[in-house]
């Protein structure tokens, strides 16, 4: 199956929130201190605007949104962005959708930033493999103030 990667539109907001919440439940992240309580979770088309800030969705041929990823500045850390809210529905994992999303996000990020940071959970093992494949190195401390204090694994990629 072919997938299209495009910028998020207002009509996608509730679907991507639904995907993120389902994934957080799946991996035990349905609590305070992670994306679960982000106040802008259902407003990505409004939030991800301007240079150095964007959110993309992966769409099946039938128009169904099956995943997404964002890039935004990491507050308080110069020349550093954050790979944000990268999630896909279970049935498309391993299909190459995450690769398409990652390549889109990193190509964009390299135009604006020197480093890319991300936070995740230790039990998201397949995601760790993807991050490492794209040059992310695990670090032992948090950068910036993301308010995601329950994320227990952090990565950094430098260009």
Protein backbone atom coordinates (compact mmCIF):
# COMPACT_ATOMS: atom_id res chain seq x y z
CA UNK A 1 0.00 0.00 0.00
CA UNK A 2 1.18 3.52 -0.76
CA UNK A 3 1.14 6.34 1.75
CA UNK A 4 1.25 10.09 1.30
CA UNK A 5 2.98 12.36 3.79
CA UNK A 6 1.47 15.84 4.01
CA UNK A 7 1.23 18.74 6.44
CA UNK A 8 -1.51 18.42 8.99
CA UNK A 9 -4.83 20.11 8.25
CA UNK A 10 -7.54 21.15 10.69
CA UNK A 11 -9.66 18.14 9.67
CA UNK A 12 -6.84 15.84 10.93
CA UNK A 13 -6.63 17.21 14.47
CA UNK A 14 -9.07 14.85 16.17
CA UNK A 15 -7.79 11.79 14.29
CA UNK A 16 -4.15 12.36 15.21
CA UNK A 17 -5.14 13.00 18.83
CA UNK A 18 -7.04 9.69 18.78
CA UNK A 19 -3.98 7.87 17.38
CA UNK A 20 -1.64 9.40 19.97
CA UNK A 21 -3.96 8.60 22.88
CA UNK A 22 -4.45 5.00 21.72
CA UNK A 23 -0.68 4.51 21.44
CA UNK A 24 -0.11 6.05 24.86
CA UNK A 25 -2.65 3.65 26.38
CA UNK A 26 -0.98 0.75 24.54
CA UNK A 27 2.43 1.61 26.02
CA UNK A 28 1.29 2.70 29.49
CA UNK A 29 1.70 6.42 28.85
CA UNK A 30 -1.84 7.47 29.70
CA UNK A 31 -0.91 9.69 32.63
CA UNK A 32 0.49 13.06 33.60
CA UNK A 33 4.08 13.85 32.68
CA UNK A 34 3.95 12.91 29.00
CA UNK A 35 1.99 13.80 25.85
CA UNK A 36 -1.20 12.49 27.47
CA UNK A 37 -1.76 15.80 29.30
CA UNK A 38 -0.44 18.19 26.63
CA UNK A 39 -3.10 20.92 26.37
CA UNK A 40 -2.60 21.33 22.60
CA UNK A 41 -2.93 17.66 21.66
CA UNK A 42 -6.01 18.25 19.52
CA UNK A 43 -4.84 21.51 17.94
CA UNK A 44 -1.76 20.59 15.92
CA UNK A 45 -2.89 22.35 12.75
CA UNK A 46 -2.95 25.61 14.73
CA UNK A 47 0.11 25.01 16.91
CA UNK A 48 2.61 23.77 14.32
CA UNK A 49 2.95 26.98 12.32
CA UNK A 50 5.87 29.19 11.30
CA UNK A 51 9.48 28.54 10.38
CA UNK A 52 11.10 25.62 12.15
CA UNK A 53 7.80 24.17 13.33
CA UNK A 54 5.65 21.68 11.42
CA UNK A 55 3.55 18.53 11.82
CA UNK A 56 2.94 15.94 9.12
CA UNK A 57 0.49 13.09 8.82
CA UNK A 58 0.74 9.82 6.92
CA UNK A 59 -2.36 9.11 4.86
CA UNK A 60 -3.48 5.90 3.17
CA UNK A 61 -4.84 5.95 -0.35
CA UNK A 62 -8.38 5.93 1.06
CA UNK A 63 -7.67 9.19 2.95
CA UNK A 64 -7.31 7.63 6.40
CA UNK A 65 -4.69 9.27 8.63
CA UNK A 66 -2.54 6.48 10.09
CA UNK A 67 0.26 8.36 11.85
CA UNK A 68 2.11 11.59 12.33
CA UNK A 69 5.24 13.40 13.47
CA UNK A 70 6.18 16.94 14.43
CA UNK A 71 9.24 19.16 14.63
CA UNK A 72 9.37 22.16 16.93
CA UNK A 73 11.97 24.22 18.73
CA UNK A 74 13.24 22.85 22.04
CA UNK A 75 12.58 25.75 24.38
CA UNK A 76 15.70 27.01 26.11
CA UNK A 77 18.15 25.02 24.00
CA UNK A 78 19.63 27.03 21.10
CA UNK A 79 19.75 25.53 17.60
CA UNK A 80 17.96 22.40 18.83
CA UNK A 81 14.59 21.05 17.80
CA UNK A 82 12.49 18.28 19.22
CA UNK A 83 11.04 15.36 17.27
CA UNK A 84 7.52 15.41 18.69
CA UNK A 85 4.57 13.08 18.90
CA UNK A 86 5.60 10.48 16.36
CA UNK A 87 2.98 7.75 16.48
CA UNK A 88 1.44 5.28 14.03
CA UNK A 89 -1.51 2.93 14.32
CA UNK A 90 -0.45 -0.67 15.03
CA UNK A 91 -1.49 -2.08 11.65
CA UNK A 92 0.96 0.11 9.70
CA UNK A 93 3.98 -0.41 11.94
CA UNK A 94 6.73 -2.13 9.98
CA UNK A 95 5.25 -0.98 6.65
CA UNK A 96 7.69 1.89 6.06
CA UNK A 97 5.29 4.63 7.18
CA UNK A 98 7.48 5.57 10.17
CA UNK A 99 10.49 5.77 7.83
CA UNK A 100 8.63 8.19 5.55
CA UNK A 101 7.58 10.32 8.52
CA UNK A 102 11.09 10.32 10.00
CA UNK A 103 12.76 11.28 6.72
CA UNK A 104 10.27 14.10 6.17
CA UNK A 105 10.78 15.46 9.69
CA UNK A 106 14.59 15.23 9.67
CA UNK A 107 14.94 16.77 6.21
CA UNK A 108 12.85 19.69 7.40
CA UNK A 109 14.66 19.98 10.76
CA UNK A 110 18.09 20.12 9.11
CA UNK A 111 17.06 23.36 7.39
CA UNK A 112 16.57 25.14 10.73
CA UNK A 113 18.50 23.32 13.47
CA UNK A 114 21.85 21.74 14.31
CA UNK A 115 20.50 19.10 16.67
CA UNK A 116 17.32 17.11 17.18
CA UNK A 117 16.20 15.82 20.58
CA UNK A 118 13.46 13.38 21.52
CA UNK A 119 11.98 11.74 24.58
CA UNK A 120 10.28 8.35 24.73
CA UNK A 121 9.52 5.38 26.94
CA UNK A 122 11.83 2.41 27.51
CA UNK A 123 9.13 -0.07 26.44
CA UNK A 124 8.84 1.45 22.94
CA UNK A 125 11.63 -0.84 21.74
CA UNK A 126 10.79 -0.77 18.01
CA UNK A 127 10.84 3.04 18.08
CA UNK A 128 14.32 2.99 19.65
CA UNK A 129 15.59 0.91 16.74
CA UNK A 130 14.16 3.42 14.27
CA UNK A 131 15.72 6.38 16.10
CA UNK A 132 19.12 4.71 16.21
CA UNK A 133 18.88 3.80 12.52
CA UNK A 134 18.54 7.53 11.79
CA UNK A 135 21.58 8.52 13.84
CA UNK A 136 20.03 9.36 17.19
CA UNK A 137 22.31 8.60 20.15
CA UNK A 138 20.93 7.82 23.57
CA UNK A 139 21.76 10.43 26.23
CA UNK A 140 21.37 10.14 29.98
CA UNK A 141 19.83 13.52 30.78
CA UNK A 142 16.90 15.64 29.72
CA UNK A 143 17.35 18.75 27.59
CA UNK A 144 15.09 21.79 27.81
CA UNK A 145 11.81 21.80 29.64
CA UNK A 146 9.32 19.62 27.78
CA UNK A 147 7.22 18.83 30.90
CA UNK A 148 7.46 15.15 29.90
CA UNK A 149 9.06 14.09 33.16
CA UNK A 150 7.84 10.49 32.94
CA UNK A 151 9.64 9.81 29.66
CA UNK A 152 12.58 7.70 30.75
CA UNK A 153 14.66 7.54 27.54
CA UNK A 154 16.17 10.44 25.63
CA UNK A 155 17.96 10.70 22.30
CA UNK A 156 19.93 13.37 20.47
CA UNK A 157 20.95 13.61 16.81
CA UNK A 158 23.48 16.13 15.56
CA UNK A 159 24.08 17.18 11.97
